[in-house]
Amino acid sequence: MDEMAVLIRYGEVALKGGNRHHFERILMRRIKEKVSDFVDPDIKSKGGLLIMDITKEINDLSETKKNDFLGRLRSKLLSVFGIDSISFALITKPNLSYIIDAAPGFVEQLRRDRAIGTFKVEAKRSDKSFPAKSPEIASKVGAGILKAVKNIGVDVHNPDLIVNVNVRNENAYIYEDRIRGQGGLPLGACGKGLLLLSGGIDSPVAGFLMARRGMSISAVHFNSYPYTSKRALDKVMRLKDQLAEYVGNFDVRTVNLLPAQMAIRSKAPENEGTILTRRFMIRIANIIAEEVHANALITGESLGQVASQTAESLAVTDAAANLPILRPLIAYDKRDIIGIAKDIGCYDISIEPFEDCCTVFLPKHPVTKPRLENILRSEEKLDISGLVQEVLEASID
């Protein structure tokens, strides 16, 4: 019976010193939650590596079902933040004879799916008490493969297959490659943020990037119903569901901003409409963030992308905040943002042509370099606290 494990490597978690075990526990919990719908994983932490033994899950499966299981497990693990890379490995005893005997079968298994004419062996001796050093392990395992496997040669420069051997205290592991994961930090390791989720391209990407830095997510969506449609709200909920594939399930509070927008439109200078609306959004987000115990606000703003995202506009927006406003896209080009949106499956939803609250009453010539004193003077004409309360009471849940 073949024994098999997934070797799970973490990146920055290993740098956390005395807090490493805390981050490890969070990562292990996130992995178990991610795969709980089809496997109850046995995960152990061994010397800076997480090892998931999947022997019992695969050995009663047909080849087709085994490949389906491994593909599904791979997909799930590669969406978990904090995982730097994974490898599907054959387990054998930490004994050179056992490793030499196991390696040819490993190669033959891979040859069932593709042509492999050349190979090389790379060995790592994590257990420094192991009698053979890494070059000797690689040489003897390579010789064993050449002897047992037909029609195969060695190419140390450009092989079809690299056979990796990692000798550790508890076992030796034979695997092909390191499959790159999301990296970052385990979700939930770095507090909680309230995402201002618009329905466009940028804000889902901003939420994804902050979650990859270990921040749990809640969200608020502002609409201007009936100027924005129920279909636009449905689009946001589909974005939320897609984003949840990476950041986990999260709540979206929907808020009808129309009362504040109508007041701004009737009482404030037209060119200040965008920045005044933005400040109202931040004030309301402050309140919701406190309710959901968020430590920060998250937006999809990128410097200079639109009038409300100049340095001057961002400073005026920040003045309405009680919490830090995190802007992970601040230095990103639009093409880079689009690339991430496509990678996480949000782009096609984001570009569906529905109005949002930021475009309904867009000024023809919005101010790009607002001065805070002028904005505060315009806000004196508005019943700020009354409008905030009215907007919250008009929320659609």
Protein backbone atom coordinates (compact mmCIF):
# COMPACT_ATOMS: atom_id res chain seq x y z
CA MET A 1 0.00 0.00 0.00
CA ASP A 2 1.47 3.35 -1.09
CA GLU A 3 1.58 5.99 1.57
CA MET A 4 1.10 9.58 0.44
CA ALA A 5 1.22 13.03 2.03
CA VAL A 6 0.90 16.66 1.07
CA LEU A 7 3.89 18.73 2.14
CA ILE A 8 2.63 22.23 2.96
CA ARG A 9 5.21 24.99 3.22
CA TYR A 10 4.52 28.38 4.66
CA GLY A 11 6.49 31.52 3.88
CA GLU A 12 6.27 34.50 6.20
CA VAL A 13 4.79 32.45 9.03
CA ALA A 14 8.26 30.94 9.51
CA LEU A 15 9.63 34.42 10.26
CA LYS A 16 7.29 35.13 13.16
CA GLY A 17 9.67 34.03 15.91
CA GLY A 18 7.91 33.41 19.19
CA ASN A 19 4.51 33.90 17.51
CA ARG A 20 5.12 31.25 14.86
CA HIS A 21 3.13 28.53 16.61
CA HIS A 22 0.15 30.90 16.89
CA PHE A 23 0.24 31.54 13.13
CA GLU A 24 0.73 27.82 12.48
CA ARG A 25 -2.39 26.95 14.47
CA ILE A 26 -4.44 29.51 12.54
CA LEU A 27 -3.13 28.16 9.22
CA MET A 28 -3.92 24.56 10.19
CA ARG A 29 -7.42 25.59 11.21
CA ARG A 30 -7.97 27.41 7.91
CA ILE A 31 -6.78 24.36 5.94
CA LYS A 32 -9.13 22.06 7.84
CA GLU A 33 -12.05 24.44 7.28
CA LYS A 34 -11.27 24.67 3.57
CA VAL A 35 -11.25 20.92 2.93
CA SER A 36 -13.81 19.85 5.55
CA ASP A 37 -16.53 19.22 2.95
CA PHE A 38 -14.70 16.17 1.56
CA VAL A 39 -11.82 15.16 3.86
CA ASP A 40 -10.97 15.14 7.57
CA PRO A 41 -7.26 15.86 7.29
CA ASP A 42 -4.54 14.56 9.59
CA ILE A 43 -2.12 17.52 9.71
CA LYS A 44 1.04 17.64 11.78
CA SER A 45 3.65 20.35 12.18
CA LYS A 46 7.13 18.94 11.70
CA GLY A 47 10.17 21.20 11.76
CA GLY A 48 8.82 24.17 9.82
CA LEU A 49 6.62 22.07 7.55
CA LEU A 50 2.97 21.03 7.71
CA ILE A 51 2.44 17.42 6.66
CA MET A 52 -1.04 16.18 5.69
CA ASP A 53 -1.18 12.38 5.50
CA ILE A 54 -3.77 11.37 2.88
CA THR A 55 -2.95 7.66 2.69
CA LYS A 56 -6.30 6.45 4.01
CA GLU A 57 -8.22 8.81 1.71
CA ILE A 58 -6.65 7.60 -1.56
CA ASN A 59 -5.87 3.92 -1.21
CA ASP A 60 -9.42 2.65 -1.71
CA LEU A 61 -9.96 4.87 -4.76
CA SER A 62 -9.74 3.93 -8.42
CA GLU A 63 -7.10 5.77 -10.44
CA THR A 64 -9.70 8.15 -11.88
CA LYS A 65 -11.25 8.93 -8.51
CA LYS A 66 -7.81 9.31 -6.96
CA ASN A 67 -6.84 11.90 -9.58
CA ASP A 68 -10.14 13.72 -9.04
CA PHE A 69 -9.55 13.76 -5.28
CA LEU A 70 -5.99 15.05 -5.66
CA GLY A 71 -7.11 17.74 -8.11
CA ARG A 72 -9.83 18.93 -5.78
CA LEU A 73 -7.48 18.94 -2.80
CA ARG A 74 -4.88 20.86 -4.79
CA SER A 75 -7.42 23.50 -5.81
CA LYS A 76 -8.60 23.97 -2.23
CA LEU A 77 -5.11 24.24 -0.76
CA LEU A 78 -3.92 26.70 -3.39
CA SER A 79 -6.66 29.13 -2.33
CA VAL A 80 -5.59 29.17 1.34
CA PHE A 81 -3.68 32.27 2.38
CA GLY A 82 -0.45 31.55 4.23
CA ILE A 83 0.54 28.55 2.08
CA ASP A 84 3.73 29.26 0.13
CA SER A 85 3.81 25.98 -1.78
CA ILE A 86 2.63 22.36 -1.69
CA SER A 87 3.97 19.06 -2.95
CA PHE A 88 2.23 15.71 -3.28
CA ALA A 89 4.77 13.24 -1.92
CA LEU A 90 5.29 9.50 -1.69
CA ILE A 91 6.12 8.51 1.89
CA THR A 92 8.83 5.97 2.63
CA LYS A 93 11.03 5.09 5.59
CA PRO A 94 14.06 7.31 6.27
CA ASN A 95 16.40 4.56 5.10
CA LEU A 96 18.46 4.77 1.93
CA SER A 97 17.52 1.27 0.75
CA TYR A 98 13.81 2.00 1.13
CA ILE A 99 14.19 5.30 -0.74
CA ILE A 100 16.08 3.62 -3.60
CA ASP A 101 13.39 0.93 -3.84
CA ALA A 102 10.51 3.44 -3.82
CA ALA A 103 11.83 5.99 -6.34
CA PRO A 104 11.43 3.91 -9.57
CA GLY A 105 7.75 3.26 -8.81
CA PHE A 106 7.26 6.97 -8.26
CA VAL A 107 8.73 7.69 -11.72
CA GLU A 108 6.68 4.96 -13.39
CA GLN A 109 3.50 6.39 -11.87
CA LEU A 110 4.22 9.80 -13.40
CA ARG A 111 5.01 8.23 -16.79
CA ARG A 112 1.44 6.95 -17.02
CA ASP A 113 0.29 10.54 -17.60
CA ARG A 114 3.10 11.98 -19.72
CA ALA A 115 6.29 11.19 -21.59
CA ILE A 116 9.40 11.35 -19.39
CA GLY A 117 12.67 10.63 -21.17
CA THR A 118 15.15 12.28 -18.81
CA PHE A 119 15.39 13.03 -15.10
CA LYS A 120 17.65 14.19 -12.33
CA VAL A 121 17.49 13.72 -8.57
CA GLU A 122 17.80 16.52 -6.02
CA ALA A 123 18.15 15.47 -2.39
CA LYS A 124 17.84 17.33 0.89
CA ARG A 125 18.96 15.84 4.17
CA SER A 126 16.83 17.67 6.75
CA ASP A 127 17.85 15.03 9.30
CA LYS A 128 21.55 15.82 9.67
CA SER A 129 22.12 12.56 11.54
CA PHE A 130 21.25 10.58 8.40
CA PRO A 131 24.44 8.67 7.44
CA ALA A 132 24.45 9.56 3.72
CA LYS A 133 24.93 13.18 2.66
CA SER A 134 22.71 14.86 0.06
CA PRO A 135 24.98 14.27 -3.01
CA GLU A 136 25.31 10.57 -2.13
CA ILE A 137 21.54 10.22 -1.68
CA ALA A 138 20.93 11.84 -5.07
CA SER A 139 23.55 9.69 -6.79
CA LYS A 140 22.32 6.37 -5.40
CA VAL A 141 18.63 7.12 -5.93
CA GLY A 142 19.40 8.18 -9.51
CA ALA A 143 21.32 4.97 -10.12
CA GLY A 144 18.37 2.97 -8.77
CA ILE A 145 15.99 4.70 -11.18
CA LEU A 146 18.29 4.09 -14.15
CA LYS A 147 18.53 0.42 -13.26
CA ALA A 148 14.80 -0.18 -12.73
CA VAL A 149 13.12 2.12 -15.26
CA LYS A 150 13.38 1.41 -18.98
CA ASN A 151 14.14 3.98 -21.67
CA ILE A 152 15.11 6.82 -19.38
CA GLY A 153 18.31 8.86 -19.06
CA VAL A 154 19.86 11.52 -16.87
CA ASP A 155 19.93 15.21 -17.85
CA VAL A 156 21.15 17.48 -15.08
CA HIS A 157 20.58 20.68 -17.08
CA ASN A 158 17.12 20.38 -18.64
CA PRO A 159 15.40 17.19 -17.42
CA ASP A 160 11.80 16.23 -18.13
CA LEU A 161 11.45 15.34 -14.44
CA ILE A 162 13.13 16.41 -11.22
CA VAL A 163 12.80 13.78 -8.49
CA ASN A 164 13.07 15.50 -5.12
CA VAL A 165 14.00 13.50 -2.03
CA ASN A 166 13.63 15.02 1.44
CA VAL A 167 14.97 12.89 4.28
CA ARG A 168 13.52 13.87 7.64
CA ASN A 169 13.50 12.33 11.10
CA GLU A 170 10.08 10.71 10.84
CA ASN A 171 9.99 9.74 7.14
CA ALA A 172 11.53 10.32 3.75
CA TYR A 173 9.42 12.03 1.09
CA ILE A 174 9.73 11.71 -2.69
CA TYR A 175 7.99 14.35 -4.80
CA GLU A 176 8.14 16.06 -8.16
CA ASP A 177 7.73 19.79 -7.70
CA ARG A 178 6.65 22.65 -5.51
CA ILE A 179 3.27 24.01 -6.56
CA ARG A 180 3.11 27.69 -5.71
CA GLY A 181 0.37 28.80 -3.30
CA GLN A 182 -1.15 32.16 -2.45
CA GLY A 183 1.54 33.11 0.07
CA GLY A 184 0.75 35.84 2.56
CA LEU A 185 -0.51 35.19 6.08
CA PRO A 186 -3.31 32.96 7.40
CA LEU A 187 -6.75 34.54 7.24
CA GLY A 188 -7.71 35.95 10.63
CA ALA A 189 -4.15 36.37 11.88
CA CYS A 190 -4.10 40.16 11.45
CA GLY A 191 -7.40 41.58 12.67
CA LYS A 192 -10.53 42.46 10.76
CA GLY A 193 -11.30 45.05 8.09
CA LEU A 194 -14.53 46.51 6.71
CA LEU A 195 -14.39 46.49 2.90
CA LEU A 196 -16.27 49.17 0.95
CA LEU A 197 -17.49 46.81 -1.78
CA SER A 198 -18.73 48.80 -4.78
CA GLY A 199 -19.39 46.20 -7.46
CA GLY A 200 -16.56 47.44 -9.68
CA ILE A 201 -13.21 45.87 -10.49
CA ASP A 202 -11.10 47.42 -7.75
CA SER A 203 -12.78 46.78 -4.41
CA PRO A 204 -12.97 42.95 -4.63
CA VAL A 205 -9.26 42.92 -5.46
CA ALA A 206 -8.56 45.19 -2.48
CA GLY A 207 -10.46 42.80 -0.22
CA PHE A 208 -8.56 39.83 -1.65
CA LEU A 209 -5.17 41.48 -1.08
CA MET A 210 -5.92 42.46 2.51
CA ALA A 211 -7.23 38.97 3.24
CA ARG A 212 -3.98 37.60 1.84
CA ARG A 213 -2.22 39.67 4.49
CA GLY A 214 -4.20 37.81 7.14
CA MET A 215 -7.10 40.23 7.64
CA SER A 216 -10.64 38.88 8.03
CA ILE A 217 -13.26 40.71 5.98
CA SER A 218 -16.72 42.17 6.47
CA ALA A 219 -18.20 44.46 3.84
CA VAL A 220 -20.55 47.35 3.26
CA HIS A 221 -22.13 48.13 -0.10
CA PHE A 222 -23.60 51.55 -0.85
CA ASN A 223 -26.43 51.87 -3.37
CA SER A 224 -28.73 54.63 -4.55
CA TYR A 225 -31.94 52.67 -4.98
CA PRO A 226 -34.14 53.24 -7.00
CA TYR A 227 -31.53 55.04 -9.15
CA THR A 228 -29.49 51.86 -8.89
CA SER A 229 -31.28 48.61 -9.57
CA LYS A 230 -31.88 45.40 -7.66
CA ARG A 231 -29.87 43.69 -10.40
CA ALA A 232 -26.88 45.84 -9.46
CA LEU A 233 -27.27 44.62 -5.88
CA ASP A 234 -27.49 41.03 -7.11
CA LYS A 235 -24.22 41.59 -8.97
CA VAL A 236 -22.53 42.66 -5.72
CA MET A 237 -23.79 39.55 -3.96
CA ARG A 238 -22.36 37.36 -6.72
CA LEU A 239 -19.04 39.19 -6.33
CA LYS A 240 -19.23 38.50 -2.62
CA ASP A 241 -19.79 34.79 -3.25
CA GLN A 242 -16.84 34.61 -5.65
CA LEU A 243 -14.56 36.50 -3.29
CA ALA A 244 -15.60 34.16 -0.46
CA GLU A 245 -13.81 31.33 -2.30
CA TYR A 246 -10.60 32.98 -1.08
CA VAL A 247 -11.48 35.09 1.96
CA GLY A 248 -14.10 32.80 3.52
CA ASN A 249 -17.74 33.61 4.10
CA PHE A 250 -18.42 37.21 5.11
CA ASP A 251 -21.40 39.48 5.63
CA VAL A 252 -22.31 42.43 3.39
CA ARG A 253 -24.30 45.29 4.89
CA THR A 254 -26.18 47.18 2.17
CA VAL A 255 -26.82 50.88 2.72
CA ASN A 256 -28.99 53.21 0.63
CA LEU A 257 -27.00 56.43 0.34
CA LEU A 258 -29.69 58.29 -1.61
CA PRO A 259 -30.91 60.63 1.19
CA ALA A 260 -27.39 62.01 1.67
CA GLN A 261 -26.81 62.28 -2.07
CA MET A 262 -30.01 64.23 -2.62
CA ALA A 263 -29.13 66.64 0.19
CA ILE A 264 -25.63 67.16 -1.22
CA ARG A 265 -27.04 67.73 -4.69
CA SER A 266 -29.45 70.41 -3.49
CA LYS A 267 -27.28 72.25 -0.96
CA ALA A 268 -23.61 71.88 -1.92
CA PRO A 269 -21.51 73.03 -4.90
CA GLU A 270 -21.91 70.61 -7.78
CA ASN A 271 -18.17 70.05 -8.25
CA GLU A 272 -17.82 68.94 -4.61
CA GLY A 273 -20.49 66.26 -4.88
CA THR A 274 -18.12 63.32 -5.24
CA ILE A 275 -15.84 64.15 -2.32
CA LEU A 276 -18.77 65.04 -0.04
CA THR A 277 -20.46 61.73 -0.89
CA ARG A 278 -17.21 59.90 -0.23
CA ARG A 279 -16.94 61.48 3.21
CA PHE A 280 -20.50 60.39 4.01
CA MET A 281 -19.59 56.84 3.02
CA ILE A 282 -16.62 56.91 5.38
CA ARG A 283 -18.71 58.26 8.27
CA ILE A 284 -21.25 55.48 7.83
CA ALA A 285 -18.51 52.89 7.43
CA ASN A 286 -17.04 54.10 10.74
CA ILE A 287 -20.29 53.19 12.50
CA ILE A 288 -20.67 49.82 10.80
CA ALA A 289 -17.01 48.97 11.47
CA GLU A 290 -17.58 49.50 15.17
CA GLU A 291 -20.64 47.23 15.06
CA VAL A 292 -18.70 44.38 13.39
CA HIS A 293 -15.55 44.94 15.47
CA ALA A 294 -13.38 45.89 12.50
CA ASN A 295 -9.97 47.47 13.07
CA ALA A 296 -9.74 49.30 9.74
CA LEU A 297 -11.60 50.31 6.59
CA ILE A 298 -10.54 48.88 3.22
CA THR A 299 -11.09 50.61 -0.13
CA GLY A 300 -10.12 49.93 -3.73
CA GLU A 301 -8.70 53.41 -4.32
CA SER A 302 -5.66 53.77 -6.58
CA LEU A 303 -3.73 57.03 -6.67
CA GLY A 304 -4.83 59.31 -9.50
CA GLN A 305 -7.30 56.87 -11.04
CA VAL A 306 -10.31 59.21 -10.67
CA ALA A 307 -10.99 62.66 -9.23
CA SER A 308 -11.68 61.37 -5.71
CA GLN A 309 -8.36 59.53 -5.67
CA THR A 310 -5.85 62.37 -5.95
CA ALA A 311 -3.56 62.85 -2.97
CA GLU A 312 -5.57 65.93 -1.94
CA SER A 313 -8.89 64.10 -2.23
CA LEU A 314 -7.64 61.13 -0.24
CA ALA A 315 -6.44 63.43 2.54
CA VAL A 316 -9.88 65.08 2.74
CA THR A 317 -11.53 61.65 2.74
CA ASP A 318 -9.24 60.45 5.55
CA ALA A 319 -10.28 63.41 7.69
CA ALA A 320 -13.76 61.85 8.01
CA ALA A 321 -12.41 58.51 9.25
CA ASN A 322 -12.11 57.27 12.81
CA LEU A 323 -10.13 54.20 11.73
CA PRO A 324 -7.17 53.65 9.41
CA ILE A 325 -8.18 53.44 5.74
CA LEU A 326 -6.18 50.68 4.08
CA ARG A 327 -5.68 51.07 0.33
CA PRO A 328 -3.78 48.03 -0.96
CA LEU A 329 -4.17 49.15 -4.60
CA ILE A 330 -2.80 52.64 -4.08
CA ALA A 331 0.24 52.15 -6.37
CA TYR A 332 -1.24 49.57 -8.76
CA ASP A 333 -1.78 50.21 -12.46
CA LYS A 334 -5.24 49.36 -13.72
CA ARG A 335 -3.93 46.49 -15.87
CA ASP A 336 -2.38 44.90 -12.77
CA ILE A 337 -5.67 45.21 -10.88
CA ILE A 338 -7.54 43.68 -13.82
CA GLY A 339 -5.04 40.81 -13.89
CA ILE A 340 -5.72 39.95 -10.26
CA ALA A 341 -9.48 40.34 -10.76
CA LYS A 342 -9.32 37.78 -13.56
CA ASP A 343 -7.17 35.42 -11.50
CA ILE A 344 -9.70 35.36 -8.64
CA GLY A 345 -12.73 35.07 -10.93
CA CYS A 346 -14.25 38.48 -10.18
CA TYR A 347 -13.54 40.37 -13.40
CA ASP A 348 -16.39 39.10 -15.58
CA ILE A 349 -18.90 39.88 -12.82
CA SER A 350 -17.38 43.32 -12.11
CA ILE A 351 -17.71 44.52 -15.71
CA GLU A 352 -21.43 43.80 -15.95
CA PRO A 353 -22.91 47.20 -16.94
CA PHE A 354 -24.94 48.30 -13.92
CA GLU A 355 -24.89 51.75 -12.32
CA ASP A 356 -23.47 52.19 -8.84
CA CYS A 357 -23.94 54.98 -6.31
CA CYS A 358 -20.65 56.64 -7.31
CA THR A 359 -21.74 57.20 -10.91
CA VAL A 360 -25.42 58.12 -10.49
CA PHE A 361 -24.86 61.80 -9.61
CA LEU A 362 -21.36 62.23 -11.01
CA PRO A 363 -20.41 65.94 -11.46
CA LYS A 364 -19.33 67.07 -14.91
CA HIS A 365 -16.17 68.65 -13.49
CA PRO A 366 -15.44 67.21 -10.03
CA VAL A 367 -12.91 69.03 -7.87
CA THR A 368 -9.56 67.21 -7.99
CA LYS A 369 -7.68 69.22 -5.36
CA PRO A 370 -10.22 69.89 -2.62
CA ARG A 371 -9.28 71.90 0.45
CA LEU A 372 -10.60 70.57 3.73
CA GLU A 373 -11.70 73.99 4.95
CA ASN A 374 -13.87 74.48 1.85
CA ILE A 375 -15.42 71.02 2.24
CA LEU A 376 -16.15 71.63 5.92
CA ARG A 377 -17.80 74.94 4.99
CA SER A 378 -20.04 73.13 2.50
CA GLU A 379 -20.90 70.49 5.10
CA GLU A 380 -22.14 73.21 7.47
CA LYS A 381 -25.16 73.50 5.16
CA LEU A 382 -25.96 69.81 5.71
CA ASP A 383 -27.44 68.05 8.72
CA ILE A 384 -24.59 65.56 8.89
CA SER A 385 -25.67 63.51 11.91
CA GLY A 386 -29.33 63.53 10.83
CA LEU A 387 -28.47 62.37 7.31
CA VAL A 388 -26.17 59.64 8.60
CA GLN A 389 -28.98 58.34 10.79
CA GLU A 390 -31.50 58.55 7.96
CA VAL A 391 -29.20 56.67 5.61
CA LEU A 392 -28.61 53.89 8.12
CA GLU A 393 -32.34 53.56 8.72
CA ALA A 394 -32.91 53.34 4.95
CA SER A 395 -30.56 50.37 4.63
CA ILE A 396 -31.66 47.31 2.67
CA ASP A 397 -30.77 44.09 4.53
